[in-house]
């Protein structure tokens, strides 16, 4: 009989003994008190006993841990496709949920934060332009502007003419004074993205201007 079998037999014998010899609450309390007094009167032995119990519990946990690891390894090995399918479905679900959450947040912030709305419009405008001309947008919109969004927002605001405000944004556009489409090279495009090439312009005037330099 190996050590593991001996432990199991001892544990089973102890369990049967407890079942066949149930203790009253008074007996249990007395046993606890005796153990407490014994620990107080035998500190060194008590310390050794606690250490022995700790080591025994640690070995037990390690054995369970190793068995669990092996069991999980075998499960992963035998159910690889099932696990991968579960992960793919979970990823799709989380991605869809995140998109919906991000869209709700974005829509709400656009309605309440004019700087954020300006940021979204500028990013979308430049992204669409680079996509249209078939170029890669390597730099962030803020870097292309040469200034942070809040300062660019203030720059545009200082150029408002009578009747313009952020509440009627849409009735007026943010126009590139020298149109982006006039650029011949990537370097020229980057130069024209600079915030100093921006101005607020009434929508009707911007449509009439089209790609011309006025």
C-alpha atoms as a PDB file:
ATOM      1  CA  UNK A   1       0.000   0.000   0.000  1.00  0.00           C
ATOM      2  CA  UNK A   2       1.502   3.347  -1.031  1.00  0.00           C
ATOM      3  CA  UNK A   3       1.414   6.558   1.000  1.00  0.00           C
ATOM      4  CA  UNK A   4      -1.567   8.003  -0.869  1.00  0.00           C
ATOM      5  CA  UNK A   5      -3.667   4.895  -0.217  1.00  0.00           C
ATOM      6  CA  UNK A   6      -2.714   4.979   3.475  1.00  0.00           C
ATOM      7  CA  UNK A   7      -3.858   8.597   3.742  1.00  0.00           C
ATOM      8  CA  UNK A   8      -7.171   7.782   2.085  1.00  0.00           C
ATOM      9  CA  UNK A   9      -7.746   4.829   4.412  1.00  0.00           C
ATOM     10  CA  UNK A  10      -6.903   6.919   7.486  1.00  0.00           C
ATOM     11  CA  UNK A  11      -9.224   9.690   6.343  1.00  0.00           C
ATOM     12  CA  UNK A  12     -12.030   7.184   5.758  1.00  0.00           C
ATOM     13  CA  UNK A  13     -11.503   5.577   9.188  1.00  0.00           C
ATOM     14  CA  UNK A  14     -11.648   8.993  10.855  1.00  0.00           C
ATOM     15  CA  UNK A  15     -14.840   9.838   8.993  1.00  0.00           C
ATOM     16  CA  UNK A  16     -16.489   6.577  10.075  1.00  0.00           C
ATOM     17  CA  UNK A  17     -15.381   7.119  13.667  1.00  0.00           C
ATOM     18  CA  UNK A  18     -16.964  10.567  13.738  1.00  0.00           C
ATOM     19  CA  UNK A  19     -20.192   9.182  12.289  1.00  0.00           C
ATOM     20  CA  UNK A  20     -20.330   6.351  14.829  1.00  0.00           C
ATOM     21  CA  UNK A  21     -19.297   8.538  17.763  1.00  0.00           C
ATOM     22  CA  UNK A  22     -21.067  11.866  17.396  1.00  0.00           C
ATOM     23  CA  UNK A  23     -20.081  14.543  19.903  1.00  0.00           C
ATOM     24  CA  UNK A  24     -22.427  16.861  21.735  1.00  0.00           C
ATOM     25  CA  UNK A  25     -21.843  20.603  21.508  1.00  0.00           C
ATOM     26  CA  UNK A  26     -20.471  20.503  25.080  1.00  0.00           C
ATOM     27  CA  UNK A  27     -17.986  17.788  24.157  1.00  0.00           C
ATOM     28  CA  UNK A  28     -16.861  19.716  21.080  1.00  0.00           C
ATOM     29  CA  UNK A  29     -16.387  22.882  23.155  1.00  0.00           C
ATOM     30  CA  UNK A  30     -14.389  20.923  25.746  1.00  0.00           C
ATOM     31  CA  UNK A  31     -12.168  19.409  23.021  1.00  0.00           C
ATOM     32  CA  UNK A  32     -11.496  22.857  21.557  1.00  0.00           C
ATOM     33  CA  UNK A  33     -10.608  24.200  24.994  1.00  0.00           C
ATOM     34  CA  UNK A  34      -8.237  21.271  25.665  1.00  0.00           C
ATOM     35  CA  UNK A  35      -6.470  21.908  22.362  1.00  0.00           C
ATOM     36  CA  UNK A  36      -6.235  25.615  23.112  1.00  0.00           C
ATOM     37  CA  UNK A  37      -4.712  24.959  26.528  1.00  0.00           C
ATOM     38  CA  UNK A  38      -2.336  22.395  25.075  1.00  0.00           C
ATOM     39  CA  UNK A  39      -1.088  24.919  22.497  1.00  0.00           C
ATOM     40  CA  UNK A  40      -0.542  27.526  25.234  1.00  0.00           C
ATOM     41  CA  UNK A  41       1.357  25.064  27.458  1.00  0.00           C
ATOM     42  CA  UNK A  42       3.364  23.540  24.598  1.00  0.00           C
ATOM     43  CA  UNK A  43       4.318  26.428  22.298  1.00  0.00           C
ATOM     44  CA  UNK A  44       7.241  24.655  20.602  1.00  0.00           C
ATOM     45  CA  UNK A  45       5.316  21.459  19.953  1.00  0.00           C
ATOM     46  CA  UNK A  46       2.330  23.530  18.835  1.00  0.00           C
ATOM     47  CA  UNK A  47       4.512  25.441  16.391  1.00  0.00           C
ATOM     48  CA  UNK A  48       5.918  22.201  14.954  1.00  0.00           C
ATOM     49  CA  UNK A  49       2.415  20.759  14.669  1.00  0.00           C
ATOM     50  CA  UNK A  50       1.106  23.826  12.838  1.00  0.00           C
ATOM     51  CA  UNK A  51       4.085  23.720  10.496  1.00  0.00           C
ATOM     52  CA  UNK A  52       3.487  20.026   9.834  1.00  0.00           C
ATOM     53  CA  UNK A  53      -0.203  20.681   9.153  1.00  0.00           C
ATOM     54  CA  UNK A  54       0.716  23.575   6.855  1.00  0.00           C
ATOM     55  CA  UNK A  55       3.189  21.465   4.867  1.00  0.00           C
ATOM     56  CA  UNK A  56       0.669  18.642   4.626  1.00  0.00           C
ATOM     57  CA  UNK A  57      -2.045  21.010   3.337  1.00  0.00           C
ATOM     58  CA  UNK A  58       0.412  22.596   0.917  1.00  0.00           C
ATOM     59  CA  UNK A  59       1.329  19.191  -0.532  1.00  0.00           C
ATOM     60  CA  UNK A  60      -2.343  18.341  -0.830  1.00  0.00           C
ATOM     61  CA  UNK A  61      -3.078  21.593  -2.687  1.00  0.00           C
ATOM     62  CA  UNK A  62      -0.103  21.052  -4.983  1.00  0.00           C
ATOM     63  CA  UNK A  63      -1.304  17.529  -5.813  1.00  0.00           C
ATOM     64  CA  UNK A  64      -4.779  18.849  -6.615  1.00  0.00           C
ATOM     65  CA  UNK A  65      -3.247  21.686  -8.639  1.00  0.00           C
ATOM     66  CA  UNK A  66      -1.111  19.313 -10.700  1.00  0.00           C
ATOM     67  CA  UNK A  67      -4.083  17.049 -11.333  1.00  0.00           C
ATOM     68  CA  UNK A  68      -6.187  20.051 -12.376  1.00  0.00           C
ATOM     69  CA  UNK A  69      -3.477  21.312 -14.719  1.00  0.00           C
ATOM     70  CA  UNK A  70      -3.132  17.900 -16.323  1.00  0.00           C
ATOM     71  CA  UNK A  71      -6.892  17.566 -16.647  1.00  0.00           C
ATOM     72  CA  UNK A  72      -7.144  21.012 -18.278  1.00  0.00           C
ATOM     73  CA  UNK A  73      -4.243  20.239 -20.610  1.00  0.00           C
ATOM     74  CA  UNK A  74      -5.922  17.044 -21.791  1.00  0.00           C
ATOM     75  CA  UNK A  75      -9.252  18.822 -22.211  1.00  0.00           C
ATOM     76  CA  UNK A  76      -7.653  21.563 -24.332  1.00  0.00           C
ATOM     77  CA  UNK A  77      -5.838  18.981 -26.400  1.00  0.00           C
ATOM     78  CA  UNK A  78      -9.003  16.935 -27.069  1.00  0.00           C
ATOM     79  CA  UNK A  79     -11.347  19.896 -27.554  1.00  0.00           C
ATOM     80  CA  UNK A  80      -9.199  22.405 -29.420  1.00  0.00           C
ATOM     81  CA  UNK A  81     -11.737  23.216 -32.127  1.00  0.00           C
ATOM     82  CA  UNK A  82     -14.569  23.531 -29.620  1.00  0.00           C
ATOM     83  CA  UNK A  83     -12.538  25.955 -27.500  1.00  0.00           C
ATOM     84  CA  UNK A  84     -11.489  28.008 -30.535  1.00  0.00           C
ATOM     85  CA  UNK A  85     -15.094  28.231 -31.700  1.00  0.00           C
ATOM     86  CA  UNK A  86     -16.162  29.415 -28.251  1.00  0.00           C
ATOM     87  CA  UNK A  87     -13.423  32.079 -28.247  1.00  0.00           C
ATOM     88  CA  UNK A  88     -14.419  33.275 -31.733  1.00  0.00           C
ATOM     89  CA  UNK A  89     -18.074  33.615 -30.725  1.00  0.00           C
ATOM     90  CA  UNK A  90     -17.136  35.376 -27.496  1.00  0.00           C
ATOM     91  CA  UNK A  91     -14.874  37.799 -29.395  1.00  0.00           C
ATOM     92  CA  UNK A  92     -17.642  38.598 -31.903  1.00  0.00           C
ATOM     93  CA  UNK A  93     -20.138  39.154 -29.089  1.00  0.00           C
ATOM     94  CA  UNK A  94     -17.763  41.412 -27.126  1.00  0.00           C
ATOM     95  CA  UNK A  95     -16.772  43.310 -30.270  1.00  0.00           C
ATOM     96  CA  UNK A  96     -20.414  43.948 -31.227  1.00  0.00           C
ATOM     97  CA  UNK A  97     -21.244  45.000 -27.663  1.00  0.00           C
ATOM     98  CA  UNK A  98     -18.238  47.341 -27.549  1.00  0.00           C
ATOM     99  CA  UNK A  99     -19.163  48.888 -30.902  1.00  0.00           C
ATOM    100  CA  UNK A 100     -22.707  49.590 -29.720  1.00  0.00           C
ATOM    101  CA  UNK A 101     -21.440  50.996 -26.434  1.00  0.00           C
ATOM    102  CA  UNK A 102     -18.835  53.179 -28.195  1.00  0.00           C
ATOM    103  CA  UNK A 103     -21.427  54.437 -30.699  1.00  0.00           C
ATOM    104  CA  UNK A 104     -23.860  55.410 -27.931  1.00  0.00           C
ATOM    105  CA  UNK A 105     -21.072  57.195 -26.060  1.00  0.00           C
ATOM    106  CA  UNK A 106     -19.869  58.939 -29.216  1.00  0.00           C
ATOM    107  CA  UNK A 107     -23.372  60.066 -30.260  1.00  0.00           C
ATOM    108  CA  UNK A 108     -24.092  61.434 -26.788  1.00  0.00           C
ATOM    109  CA  UNK A 109     -20.753  63.252 -26.534  1.00  0.00           C
ATOM    110  CA  UNK A 110     -21.159  64.797 -29.986  1.00  0.00           C
ATOM    111  CA  UNK A 111     -24.451  66.343 -28.805  1.00  0.00           C
ATOM    112  CA  UNK A 112     -23.014  67.703 -25.552  1.00  0.00           C
ATOM    113  CA  UNK A 113     -19.350  68.474 -26.275  1.00  0.00           C
ATOM    114  CA  UNK A 114     -18.629  70.863 -29.196  1.00  0.00           C
ATOM    115  CA  UNK A 115     -14.857  70.291 -28.986  1.00  0.00           C
ATOM    116  CA  UNK A 116     -15.416  66.548 -29.323  1.00  0.00           C
ATOM    117  CA  UNK A 117     -17.794  67.144 -32.238  1.00  0.00           C
ATOM    118  CA  UNK A 118     -15.135  69.305 -33.912  1.00  0.00           C
ATOM    119  CA  UNK A 119     -12.548  66.564 -33.319  1.00  0.00           C
ATOM    120  CA  UNK A 120     -14.769  63.877 -34.888  1.00  0.00           C
ATOM    121  CA  UNK A 121     -15.568  66.060 -37.913  1.00  0.00           C
ATOM    122  CA  UNK A 122     -11.899  66.870 -38.542  1.00  0.00           C
ATOM    123  CA  UNK A 123     -10.774  63.252 -38.176  1.00  0.00           C
ATOM    124  CA  UNK A 124     -13.550  62.033 -40.471  1.00  0.00           C
ATOM    125  CA  UNK A 125     -12.867  64.744 -43.058  1.00  0.00           C
ATOM    126  CA  UNK A 126      -9.142  63.981 -43.299  1.00  0.00           C
ATOM    127  CA  UNK A 127      -9.669  60.223 -43.234  1.00  0.00           C
ATOM    128  CA  UNK A 128     -12.113  60.449 -46.144  1.00  0.00           C
ATOM    129  CA  UNK A 129      -9.779  62.691 -48.127  1.00  0.00           C
ATOM    130  CA  UNK A 130      -6.754  60.402 -47.737  1.00  0.00           C
ATOM    131  CA  UNK A 131      -8.912  57.416 -48.625  1.00  0.00           C
ATOM    132  CA  UNK A 132     -10.287  59.166 -51.725  1.00  0.00           C
ATOM    133  CA  UNK A 133      -6.847  60.015 -53.100  1.00  0.00           C
ATOM    134  CA  UNK A 134      -5.524  56.552 -52.234  1.00  0.00           C
ATOM    135  CA  UNK A 135      -2.914  57.656 -49.694  1.00  0.00           C
ATOM    136  CA  UNK A 136      -2.098  56.286 -46.259  1.00  0.00           C
ATOM    137  CA  UNK A 137      -2.720  58.623 -43.314  1.00  0.00           C
ATOM    138  CA  UNK A 138       0.417  57.961 -41.291  1.00  0.00           C
ATOM    139  CA  UNK A 139       0.040  60.806 -38.778  1.00  0.00           C
ATOM    140  CA  UNK A 140      -2.764  61.559 -36.345  1.00  0.00           C
ATOM    141  CA  UNK A 141      -5.164  64.382 -37.197  1.00  0.00           C
ATOM    142  CA  UNK A 142      -3.926  66.407 -34.214  1.00  0.00           C
ATOM    143  CA  UNK A 143      -0.350  66.105 -35.490  1.00  0.00           C
ATOM    144  CA  UNK A 144      -1.400  67.150 -38.989  1.00  0.00           C
ATOM    145  CA  UNK A 145      -3.231  70.156 -37.559  1.00  0.00           C
ATOM    146  CA  UNK A 146      -0.064  71.170 -35.724  1.00  0.00           C
ATOM    147  CA  UNK A 147      -2.075  72.051 -32.621  1.00  0.00           C
ATOM    148  CA  UNK A 148      -4.332  70.258 -30.146  1.00  0.00           C
ATOM    149  CA  UNK A 149      -8.079  70.073 -30.811  1.00  0.00           C
ATOM    150  CA  UNK A 150      -9.077  72.522 -28.099  1.00  0.00           C
ATOM    151  CA  UNK A 151      -6.745  75.233 -29.419  1.00  0.00           C
ATOM    152  CA  UNK A 152      -7.811  74.540 -33.020  1.00  0.00           C
ATOM    153  CA  UNK A 153     -11.432  74.818 -31.842  1.00  0.00           C
ATOM    154  CA  UNK A 154     -10.669  78.234 -30.309  1.00  0.00           C
ATOM    155  CA  UNK A 155      -8.807  79.315 -33.464  1.00  0.00           C
ATOM    156  CA  UNK A 156     -11.886  78.584 -35.611  1.00  0.00           C
ATOM    157  CA  UNK A 157     -14.182  80.242 -33.058  1.00  0.00           C
ATOM    158  CA  UNK A 158     -12.132  83.460 -33.201  1.00  0.00           C
ATOM    159  CA  UNK A 159     -12.763  83.582 -36.946  1.00  0.00           C
ATOM    160  CA  UNK A 160     -16.568  83.430 -36.637  1.00  0.00           C
ATOM    161  CA  UNK A 161     -18.536  86.115 -38.442  1.00  0.00           C
ATOM    162  CA  UNK A 162     -21.965  87.374 -37.370  1.00  0.00           C
ATOM    163  CA  UNK A 163     -24.497  84.562 -37.023  1.00  0.00           C
ATOM    164  CA  UNK A 164     -21.979  81.743 -36.607  1.00  0.00           C
ATOM    165  CA  UNK A 165     -21.845  79.670 -33.442  1.00  0.00           C
ATOM    166  CA  UNK A 166     -21.199  76.039 -32.556  1.00  0.00           C
ATOM    167  CA  UNK A 167     -24.929  75.503 -32.134  1.00  0.00           C
ATOM    168  CA  UNK A 168     -25.547  75.999 -35.872  1.00  0.00           C
ATOM    169  CA  UNK A 169     -22.438  74.062 -36.978  1.00  0.00           C
ATOM    170  CA  UNK A 170     -23.633  72.498 -40.230  1.00  0.00           C
ATOM    171  CA  UNK A 171     -25.081  75.723 -41.562  1.00  0.00           C
ATOM    172  CA  UNK A 172     -21.424  76.701 -41.877  1.00  0.00           C
ATOM    173  CA  UNK A 173     -18.471  74.450 -42.710  1.00  0.00           C
ATOM    174  CA  UNK A 174     -14.838  74.266 -41.712  1.00  0.00           C
ATOM    175  CA  UNK A 175     -13.150  75.064 -45.002  1.00  0.00           C
ATOM    176  CA  UNK A 176      -9.579  74.560 -46.159  1.00  0.00           C
ATOM    177  CA  UNK A 177      -8.610  77.957 -47.563  1.00  0.00           C
ATOM    178  CA  UNK A 178      -6.285  76.302 -50.070  1.00  0.00           C
ATOM    179  CA  UNK A 179      -8.164  73.106 -50.996  1.00  0.00           C
ATOM    180  CA  UNK A 180      -6.525  69.808 -50.102  1.00  0.00           C
ATOM    181  CA  UNK A 181      -7.261  68.595 -53.616  1.00  0.00           C
ATOM    182  CA  UNK A 182      -4.859  71.189 -55.009  1.00  0.00           C
ATOM    183  CA  UNK A 183      -1.880  69.393 -53.436  1.00  0.00           C
ATOM    184  CA  UNK A 184       0.407  67.503 -55.822  1.00  0.00           C
ATOM    185  CA  UNK A 185       2.554  65.662 -53.289  1.00  0.00           C
ATOM    186  CA  UNK A 186       2.130  64.058 -49.887  1.00  0.00           C
ATOM    187  CA  UNK A 187       4.260  66.850 -48.372  1.00  0.00           C
ATOM    188  CA  UNK A 188       1.901  69.483 -49.804  1.00  0.00           C
ATOM    189  CA  UNK A 189      -1.118  67.657 -48.379  1.00  0.00           C
ATOM    190  CA  UNK A 190       0.452  67.621 -44.925  1.00  0.00           C
ATOM    191  CA  UNK A 191       1.195  71.345 -45.216  1.00  0.00           C
ATOM    192  CA  UNK A 192      -2.404  72.130 -46.223  1.00  0.00           C
ATOM    193  CA  UNK A 193      -3.778  70.151 -43.253  1.00  0.00           C
ATOM    194  CA  UNK A 194      -2.266  72.734 -40.887  1.00  0.00           C
ATOM    195  CA  UNK A 195      -4.783  74.598 -38.728  1.00  0.00           C
ATOM    196  CA  UNK A 196      -3.764  77.972 -40.226  1.00  0.00           C
ATOM    197  CA  UNK A 197      -5.284  76.791 -43.520  1.00  0.00           C
ATOM    198  CA  UNK A 198      -8.722  76.482 -41.903  1.00  0.00           C
ATOM    199  CA  UNK A 199     -11.591  78.953 -41.784  1.00  0.00           C
ATOM    200  CA  UNK A 200     -15.302  78.873 -40.968  1.00  0.00           C
ATOM    201  CA  UNK A 201     -17.368  79.432 -44.124  1.00  0.00           C
ATOM    202  CA  UNK A 202     -21.109  79.476 -44.655  1.00  0.00           C
ATOM    203  CA  UNK A 203     -22.236  76.202 -46.249  1.00  0.00           C
ATOM    204  CA  UNK A 204     -23.657  77.927 -49.348  1.00  0.00           C
ATOM    205  CA  UNK A 205     -20.387  79.830 -49.890  1.00  0.00           C
ATOM    206  CA  UNK A 206     -18.324  76.685 -49.345  1.00  0.00           C
ATOM    207  CA  UNK A 207     -20.387  74.801 -51.931  1.00  0.00           C
ATOM    208  CA  UNK A 208     -19.934  77.649 -54.446  1.00  0.00           C
ATOM    209  CA  UNK A 209     -16.204  77.788 -53.724  1.00  0.00           C
ATOM    210  CA  UNK A 210     -15.835  74.038 -54.319  1.00  0.00           C
ATOM    211  CA  UNK A 211     -12.122  73.352 -54.989  1.00  0.00           C
ATOM    212  CA  UNK A 212     -11.185  76.866 -55.983  1.00  0.00           C
ATOM    213  CA  UNK A 213      -8.719  79.139 -54.201  1.00  0.00           C
ATOM    214  CA  UNK A 214     -10.399  82.475 -53.470  1.00  0.00           C
END
